[in-house]
């Protein structure tokens, strides 16, 4: 089968990681065209990465009939518009998170793709990396028993401490929930399947933020009143598990795990002390405790306390697989192309991204209306990874 021609819209810093990774799959994807608001910048990127064409706007790129798949790396505020235009032009779409700014927009995109028999994929694809795939393998083998719950924590002091242009993170469509939530929620969905209900509380600790680095250092950012910067939520999954979620830009430091999964036979942990700590990364340790090394083995307390340690589970994915040690961003796009060719569902699917979007919007609705919110969309739980 021929390689699919890829057209990339949006050439910010994140594009370099995507393009370096996509060049590893020349038999599957061909870097055909790239576009941004500056034709000069697009031309430089085209020369650097071997694109055949450079475009001075996304609309010009979308009009090219040779492009099979559009990789949308624009600002989240424009994801919906470019995704819709690409589908209307008959092109498959792979988009950075989130799929759209609202659940209604996301539903429109998925319905449009269905009508036109096109594929939609959406980041994050970090759940396809070695660590979360090992989580998946352990769960599917029953080593944790029945999954009863979990927790997910992303807490920090906000991106103004290192980002040169952090204004967007405090406008609707961002905040800690929409910026980092997709990584954590998608990881949970890939492990446990669809959710059925959410409830949440949130607040906004600081009305004004100040940029700490770069050319805008000292600039004040007015936080939009609609953006909660500290959110806690409960998500009930259709498998019966209940997960506590905390997303915050208001916390100075923490020793909480980034993600834990609880089963009747054991616990899986993404520890905060691990430098590759969160589900927003492909790599890191897989820590596990079961009855064999539980601290409860030594209760009631003995005079001489015996310390037990987490088991560091070996990740059984080799050098040629999706790397657990590198940033493999873009592997979801490669899988989408192979899914089109093999006539199967892609793993980082638009339907799963829509479900995640419904969960996030449901959390905000629960905060505003002080109620439980039902989640109605469905998606096919992605199949475990093999080598691609």
Protein backbone atom coordinates (compact mmCIF):
# COMPACT_ATOMS: atom_id res chain seq x y z
CA UNK A 1 0.00 0.00 0.00
CA UNK A 2 1.19 3.53 -0.75
CA UNK A 3 2.16 6.02 1.94
CA UNK A 4 -0.54 8.60 2.71
CA UNK A 5 0.24 12.24 1.96
CA UNK A 6 0.17 14.28 5.16
CA UNK A 7 -0.63 17.98 5.30
CA UNK A 8 0.36 19.74 8.53
CA UNK A 9 -1.37 22.94 9.66
CA UNK A 10 0.35 24.73 12.55
CA UNK A 11 4.13 24.78 12.89
CA UNK A 12 4.76 25.72 16.51
CA UNK A 13 7.26 24.02 18.80
CA UNK A 14 5.18 20.88 19.14
CA UNK A 15 5.41 20.24 15.39
CA UNK A 16 9.10 19.33 15.59
CA UNK A 17 8.41 16.30 17.78
CA UNK A 18 5.63 15.13 15.49
CA UNK A 19 7.67 15.55 12.33
CA UNK A 20 10.79 13.87 13.67
CA UNK A 21 8.69 10.88 14.69
CA UNK A 22 6.65 10.72 11.48
CA UNK A 23 9.85 10.59 9.42
CA UNK A 24 10.49 7.18 11.00
CA UNK A 25 7.53 5.73 9.05
CA UNK A 26 8.20 6.57 5.36
CA UNK A 27 6.30 3.50 4.14
CA UNK A 28 3.15 4.71 5.92
CA UNK A 29 3.21 8.53 5.87
CA UNK A 30 4.69 11.01 3.43
CA UNK A 31 5.30 14.59 4.59
CA UNK A 32 3.63 16.28 1.64
CA UNK A 33 2.73 19.84 2.71
CA UNK A 34 2.93 22.22 5.66
CA UNK A 35 1.21 25.52 6.39
CA UNK A 36 1.14 28.36 8.86
CA UNK A 37 0.33 32.06 8.77
CA UNK A 38 3.85 32.85 7.50
CA UNK A 39 4.80 31.40 4.12
CA UNK A 40 8.45 32.13 4.95
CA UNK A 41 8.25 30.02 8.13
CA UNK A 42 6.40 27.25 6.29
CA UNK A 43 9.04 27.24 3.55
CA UNK A 44 11.84 26.89 6.09
CA UNK A 45 10.01 24.02 7.78
CA UNK A 46 9.40 22.37 4.42
CA UNK A 47 13.10 22.55 3.58
CA UNK A 48 14.11 21.26 7.03
CA UNK A 49 11.81 18.22 6.97
CA UNK A 50 11.55 17.47 3.27
CA UNK A 51 7.96 18.53 2.59
CA UNK A 52 7.09 18.78 -1.08
CA UNK A 53 5.05 21.98 -0.66
CA UNK A 54 4.73 24.95 1.69
CA UNK A 55 1.55 27.01 2.09
CA UNK A 56 0.94 30.45 3.56
CA UNK A 57 -2.40 29.48 5.09
CA UNK A 58 -4.29 26.43 6.26
CA UNK A 59 -7.05 27.02 3.72
CA UNK A 60 -4.53 26.85 0.86
CA UNK A 61 -3.24 23.53 2.14
CA UNK A 62 -6.77 22.13 2.53
CA UNK A 63 -7.51 22.92 -1.12
CA UNK A 64 -4.70 20.65 -2.36
CA UNK A 65 -6.32 17.44 -3.68
CA UNK A 66 -3.15 15.38 -3.16
CA UNK A 67 -3.38 15.50 0.64
CA UNK A 68 -4.94 12.44 2.26
CA UNK A 69 -4.70 13.30 5.97
CA UNK A 70 -4.58 16.66 7.73
CA UNK A 71 -2.52 16.89 10.92
CA UNK A 72 -4.01 19.81 12.84
CA UNK A 73 -1.46 21.33 15.25
CA UNK A 74 -3.03 24.76 15.51
CA UNK A 75 -4.12 26.56 18.66
CA UNK A 76 -7.02 24.68 20.35
CA UNK A 77 -9.29 27.64 19.64
CA UNK A 78 -9.10 26.81 15.90
CA UNK A 79 -9.20 23.00 16.09
CA UNK A 80 -12.90 22.81 15.28
CA UNK A 81 -12.82 25.10 12.25
CA UNK A 82 -9.87 23.41 10.55
CA UNK A 83 -11.08 19.92 11.40
CA UNK A 84 -14.46 20.71 9.86
CA UNK A 85 -12.94 22.24 6.73
CA UNK A 86 -10.63 19.24 6.26
CA UNK A 87 -13.54 16.78 6.52
CA UNK A 88 -15.59 18.88 4.11
CA UNK A 89 -12.67 18.63 1.66
CA UNK A 90 -12.79 14.83 1.97
CA UNK A 91 -9.62 14.43 4.04
CA UNK A 92 -9.03 12.29 7.12
CA UNK A 93 -8.09 14.28 10.23
CA UNK A 94 -5.71 13.81 13.12
CA UNK A 95 -5.82 16.65 15.63
CA UNK A 96 -3.91 17.76 18.70
CA UNK A 97 -6.07 17.76 21.83
CA UNK A 98 -8.79 18.75 22.26
CA UNK A 99 -10.99 17.65 19.36
CA UNK A 100 -13.02 20.89 19.60
CA UNK A 101 -13.80 23.64 22.08
CA UNK A 102 -17.25 22.26 22.98
CA UNK A 103 -19.03 18.93 23.07
CA UNK A 104 -21.58 20.11 20.50
CA UNK A 105 -18.80 21.01 18.07
CA UNK A 106 -17.19 17.63 18.66
CA UNK A 107 -20.45 15.80 17.94
CA UNK A 108 -20.81 17.74 14.69
CA UNK A 109 -17.32 16.68 13.58
CA UNK A 110 -17.84 13.00 14.33
CA UNK A 111 -21.19 13.00 12.53
CA UNK A 112 -19.65 14.75 9.50
CA UNK A 113 -16.86 12.17 9.38
CA UNK A 114 -19.43 9.36 9.58
CA UNK A 115 -21.44 10.83 6.70
CA UNK A 116 -18.34 11.14 4.53
CA UNK A 117 -16.82 7.79 5.59
CA UNK A 118 -13.69 9.50 6.88
CA UNK A 119 -11.48 8.80 9.88
CA UNK A 120 -10.91 11.19 12.77
CA UNK A 121 -8.09 10.76 15.27
CA UNK A 122 -7.12 12.94 18.18
CA UNK A 123 -4.29 13.30 20.65
CA UNK A 124 -3.20 12.36 23.17
CA UNK A 125 -1.65 9.12 21.98
CA UNK A 126 0.52 8.69 25.07
CA UNK A 127 -1.72 5.79 26.14
CA UNK A 128 -0.12 3.89 23.24
CA UNK A 129 3.32 4.06 24.88
CA UNK A 130 4.99 1.24 26.76
CA UNK A 131 4.02 2.17 30.31
CA UNK A 132 0.28 2.57 29.85
CA UNK A 133 0.26 -0.45 27.55
CA UNK A 134 1.85 -2.42 30.40
CA UNK A 135 -0.91 -1.13 32.72
CA UNK A 136 -3.40 -2.35 30.14
CA UNK A 137 -1.72 -5.76 29.87
CA UNK A 138 -1.72 -6.28 33.65
CA UNK A 139 -5.38 -5.25 33.92
CA UNK A 140 -6.48 -7.44 30.99
CA UNK A 141 -4.62 -10.45 32.44
CA UNK A 142 -6.57 -10.02 35.67
CA UNK A 143 -3.52 -9.39 37.84
CA UNK A 144 -5.31 -6.54 39.63
CA UNK A 145 -8.55 -8.48 39.94
CA UNK A 146 -11.76 -6.49 39.55
CA UNK A 147 -11.04 -2.78 39.03
CA UNK A 148 -12.78 -0.82 41.77
CA UNK A 149 -11.36 2.69 41.42
CA UNK A 150 -8.40 4.98 41.07
CA UNK A 151 -7.11 8.51 41.36
CA UNK A 152 -5.46 11.01 39.01
CA UNK A 153 -3.64 14.15 40.11
CA UNK A 154 -2.15 16.92 37.96
CA UNK A 155 -1.24 19.73 40.32
CA UNK A 156 1.23 22.55 39.72
CA UNK A 157 1.48 26.35 39.99
CA UNK A 158 0.56 27.15 36.38
CA UNK A 159 2.35 27.53 33.07
CA UNK A 160 3.19 31.23 33.51
CA UNK A 161 6.26 30.10 35.45
CA UNK A 162 8.00 28.82 32.32
CA UNK A 163 5.82 29.41 29.24
CA UNK A 164 6.64 32.52 27.22
CA UNK A 165 3.06 33.05 26.04
CA UNK A 166 0.73 31.53 28.67
CA UNK A 167 -2.33 33.78 28.17
CA UNK A 168 -4.34 31.07 26.44
CA UNK A 169 -4.18 28.73 29.44
CA UNK A 170 -6.48 31.07 31.36
CA UNK A 171 -9.17 31.43 28.69
CA UNK A 172 -12.19 29.18 28.04
CA UNK A 173 -11.17 25.92 26.41
CA UNK A 174 -8.04 25.69 28.52
CA UNK A 175 -7.33 25.85 32.25
CA UNK A 176 -5.89 22.74 33.90
CA UNK A 177 -8.89 20.60 32.94
CA UNK A 178 -8.86 21.16 29.16
CA UNK A 179 -5.08 21.54 28.90
CA UNK A 180 -3.88 18.54 30.91
CA UNK A 181 -7.12 16.68 31.55
CA UNK A 182 -7.15 14.95 28.13
CA UNK A 183 -3.96 13.02 28.99
CA UNK A 184 -5.30 11.74 32.28
CA UNK A 185 -8.86 11.09 31.14
CA UNK A 186 -7.77 9.37 27.92
CA UNK A 187 -5.40 7.13 29.89
CA UNK A 188 -8.31 6.11 32.13
CA UNK A 189 -10.62 5.53 29.16
CA UNK A 190 -8.05 3.34 27.42
CA UNK A 191 -7.73 1.22 30.57
CA UNK A 192 -11.35 1.03 31.72
CA UNK A 193 -13.62 1.95 28.84
CA UNK A 194 -16.49 4.46 28.86
CA UNK A 195 -17.64 6.59 31.80
CA UNK A 196 -21.28 6.97 32.83
CA UNK A 197 -21.41 9.88 35.29
CA UNK A 198 -19.40 12.77 36.76
CA UNK A 199 -19.72 15.19 39.64
CA UNK A 200 -17.31 17.98 40.53
CA UNK A 201 -16.40 21.13 42.40
CA UNK A 202 -14.04 23.90 41.37
CA UNK A 203 -12.80 27.38 42.10
CA UNK A 204 -10.49 30.10 40.86
CA UNK A 205 -7.83 31.02 43.41
CA UNK A 206 -6.10 33.89 41.59
CA UNK A 207 -7.87 36.41 39.38
CA UNK A 208 -4.60 37.84 38.08
CA UNK A 209 -1.53 35.84 36.99
CA UNK A 210 1.89 37.23 36.14
CA UNK A 211 4.22 35.90 33.43
CA UNK A 212 7.53 34.87 35.03
CA UNK A 213 9.72 34.17 31.99
CA UNK A 214 10.50 35.36 28.47
CA UNK A 215 9.72 38.57 26.58
CA UNK A 216 6.38 39.00 28.37
CA UNK A 217 7.91 38.69 31.84
CA UNK A 218 5.98 40.87 34.29
CA UNK A 219 2.85 41.02 32.12
CA UNK A 220 -0.39 40.46 34.03
CA UNK A 221 -2.89 37.88 32.77
CA UNK A 222 -6.53 38.33 33.68
CA UNK A 223 -8.01 34.90 34.30
CA UNK A 224 -11.37 34.51 32.57
CA UNK A 225 -14.17 34.18 35.15
CA UNK A 226 -15.32 30.97 33.43
CA UNK A 227 -11.98 29.19 33.96
CA UNK A 228 -11.65 27.25 37.21
CA UNK A 229 -7.99 26.75 38.11
CA UNK A 230 -8.54 24.14 40.83
CA UNK A 231 -10.96 21.30 40.08
CA UNK A 232 -11.78 18.07 41.88
CA UNK A 233 -14.11 15.53 40.29
CA UNK A 234 -15.41 12.01 40.62
CA UNK A 235 -15.84 9.91 37.48
CA UNK A 236 -17.91 6.74 37.60
CA UNK A 237 -17.11 4.26 34.84
CA UNK A 238 -19.50 1.77 33.33
CA UNK A 239 -17.35 -1.07 34.68
CA UNK A 240 -18.27 0.16 38.19
CA UNK A 241 -14.95 1.84 39.02
CA UNK A 242 -14.93 5.31 40.61
CA UNK A 243 -11.94 7.59 40.01
CA UNK A 244 -11.01 10.78 41.86
CA UNK A 245 -9.58 13.45 39.54
CA UNK A 246 -7.77 16.64 40.61
CA UNK A 247 -6.59 19.22 38.06
CA UNK A 248 -4.96 22.38 39.43
CA UNK A 249 -2.81 25.36 38.49
CA UNK A 250 -2.90 26.55 42.13
CA UNK A 251 -0.60 24.11 43.97
CA UNK A 252 3.01 24.85 44.89
CA UNK A 253 4.11 21.25 45.32
CA UNK A 254 2.85 17.73 45.92
CA UNK A 255 3.93 14.18 46.70
CA UNK A 256 0.76 12.67 45.31
CA UNK A 257 0.98 9.97 42.63
CA UNK A 258 0.07 11.13 39.16
CA UNK A 259 -2.17 8.11 38.55
CA UNK A 260 -3.18 5.03 40.53
CA UNK A 261 -5.50 2.15 39.61
CA UNK A 262 -7.06 0.07 42.38
CA UNK A 263 -8.18 -3.55 42.00
CA UNK A 264 -9.35 -6.28 44.34
CA UNK A 265 -5.93 -7.96 44.00
CA UNK A 266 -3.53 -5.02 43.75
CA UNK A 267 -2.63 -1.41 42.93
CA UNK A 268 -0.79 0.16 39.99
CA UNK A 269 0.98 3.47 40.62
CA UNK A 270 2.57 6.27 38.59
CA UNK A 271 4.69 7.74 41.33
CA UNK A 272 5.39 11.46 41.65
CA UNK A 273 9.07 10.71 42.36
CA UNK A 274 9.44 9.12 38.93
CA UNK A 275 10.87 11.81 36.56
CA UNK A 276 8.59 10.41 33.82
CA UNK A 277 5.67 10.72 36.16
CA UNK A 278 2.41 11.47 34.38
CA UNK A 279 0.24 9.94 31.64
CA UNK A 280 1.14 12.95 29.49
CA UNK A 281 4.47 11.17 28.86
CA UNK A 282 5.18 7.90 27.06
CA UNK A 283 7.75 6.60 29.52
CA UNK A 284 8.27 5.85 33.18
CA UNK A 285 8.09 3.09 35.75
CA UNK A 286 5.24 0.68 36.34
CA UNK A 287 4.93 0.24 40.12
CA UNK A 288 2.69 -2.47 41.55
CA UNK A 289 1.67 -3.82 44.94
CA UNK A 290 -0.32 -6.97 45.58
CA UNK A 291 -0.98 -9.14 48.61
CA UNK A 292 2.57 -10.49 48.35
CA UNK A 293 4.24 -7.15 49.12
CA UNK A 294 1.45 -5.21 50.80
CA UNK A 295 2.30 -3.17 53.87
CA UNK A 296 -0.83 -4.62 55.51
CA UNK A 297 0.98 -7.96 55.80
CA UNK A 298 2.65 -6.73 58.95
CA UNK A 299 -0.44 -5.58 60.86
CA UNK A 300 -0.85 -5.37 63.77
CA UNK A 301 2.41 -3.46 63.96
CA UNK A 302 5.41 -5.52 64.93
CA UNK A 303 8.15 -4.30 67.22
CA UNK A 304 10.59 -4.51 64.33
CA UNK A 305 8.74 -3.14 61.30
CA UNK A 306 9.52 -4.94 58.06
CA UNK A 307 9.54 -2.58 55.11
CA UNK A 308 8.11 -3.71 51.78
CA UNK A 309 8.70 -2.10 48.39
CA UNK A 310 6.71 -1.57 45.25
CA UNK A 311 7.42 -4.06 42.49
CA UNK A 312 8.86 -2.31 39.43
CA UNK A 313 7.20 -4.26 36.60
CA UNK A 314 9.36 -4.73 33.53
CA UNK A 315 7.86 -3.13 30.44
CA UNK A 316 7.68 -5.93 27.84
CA UNK A 317 8.00 -3.73 24.75
CA UNK A 318 11.21 -3.88 22.77
CA UNK A 319 13.32 -1.40 20.85
CA UNK A 320 11.24 -1.65 17.67
CA UNK A 321 7.91 -1.11 19.39
CA UNK A 322 6.26 2.14 20.34
CA UNK A 323 8.93 3.54 22.61
CA UNK A 324 8.34 3.87 26.33
CA UNK A 325 11.55 5.85 26.69
CA UNK A 326 11.06 8.49 24.00
CA UNK A 327 8.46 11.05 23.02
CA UNK A 328 6.56 9.05 20.39
CA UNK A 329 3.99 11.77 19.75
CA UNK A 330 2.36 11.16 16.38
CA UNK A 331 2.12 7.39 16.60
CA UNK A 332 -1.65 7.88 16.77
CA UNK A 333 -1.55 9.37 13.27
CA UNK A 334 0.50 6.43 11.98
CA UNK A 335 -2.07 4.06 13.51
CA UNK A 336 -4.89 6.04 11.86
CA UNK A 337 -3.33 5.59 8.41
CA UNK A 338 -2.86 1.86 9.02
CA UNK A 339 -6.44 1.62 10.28
CA UNK A 340 -7.72 3.19 7.04
CA UNK A 341 -5.63 0.74 5.02
CA UNK A 342 -6.69 -2.26 7.12
CA UNK A 343 -10.33 -1.14 7.42
CA UNK A 344 -10.37 -1.21 11.24
CA UNK A 345 -10.96 1.29 14.06
CA UNK A 346 -8.02 3.54 14.87
CA UNK A 347 -6.89 3.51 18.50
CA UNK A 348 -6.71 7.26 19.25
CA UNK A 349 -10.17 7.58 17.78
CA UNK A 350 -12.36 10.62 17.37
CA UNK A 351 -15.11 8.83 19.27
CA UNK A 352 -12.88 8.37 22.33
CA UNK A 353 -11.79 12.02 22.08
CA UNK A 354 -15.46 13.06 21.92
CA UNK A 355 -16.20 10.97 25.03
CA UNK A 356 -13.31 12.67 26.85
CA UNK A 357 -14.63 16.05 25.73
CA UNK A 358 -18.09 15.18 27.06
CA UNK A 359 -16.56 14.20 30.41
CA UNK A 360 -14.65 17.49 30.69
CA UNK A 361 -17.67 19.56 29.72
CA UNK A 362 -19.76 17.48 32.13
CA UNK A 363 -17.33 18.32 34.94
CA UNK A 364 -17.72 22.04 34.25
CA UNK A 365 -21.50 21.66 34.07
CA UNK A 366 -21.50 19.83 37.41
CA UNK A 367 -19.52 22.69 38.97
CA UNK A 368 -21.88 25.35 37.61
CA UNK A 369 -25.14 23.55 38.39
CA UNK A 370 -24.12 21.62 41.51
CA UNK A 371 -25.38 18.27 40.23
CA UNK A 372 -24.42 14.86 38.86
CA UNK A 373 -24.04 14.80 35.06
CA UNK A 374 -24.66 11.67 32.97
CA UNK A 375 -22.28 10.82 30.12
CA UNK A 376 -24.13 9.53 27.07
CA UNK A 377 -21.60 8.93 24.27
CA UNK A 378 -20.00 5.57 23.55
CA UNK A 379 -16.69 4.51 22.03
CA UNK A 380 -14.84 1.31 21.24
CA UNK A 381 -12.13 0.72 23.83
CA UNK A 382 -8.86 0.76 21.82
CA UNK A 383 -7.16 -2.54 21.20
CA UNK A 384 -3.81 -3.14 22.91
CA UNK A 385 -0.74 -2.16 20.91
CA UNK A 386 1.39 -4.42 18.83
CA UNK A 387 4.38 -3.29 16.80
CA UNK A 388 3.56 -0.74 14.11
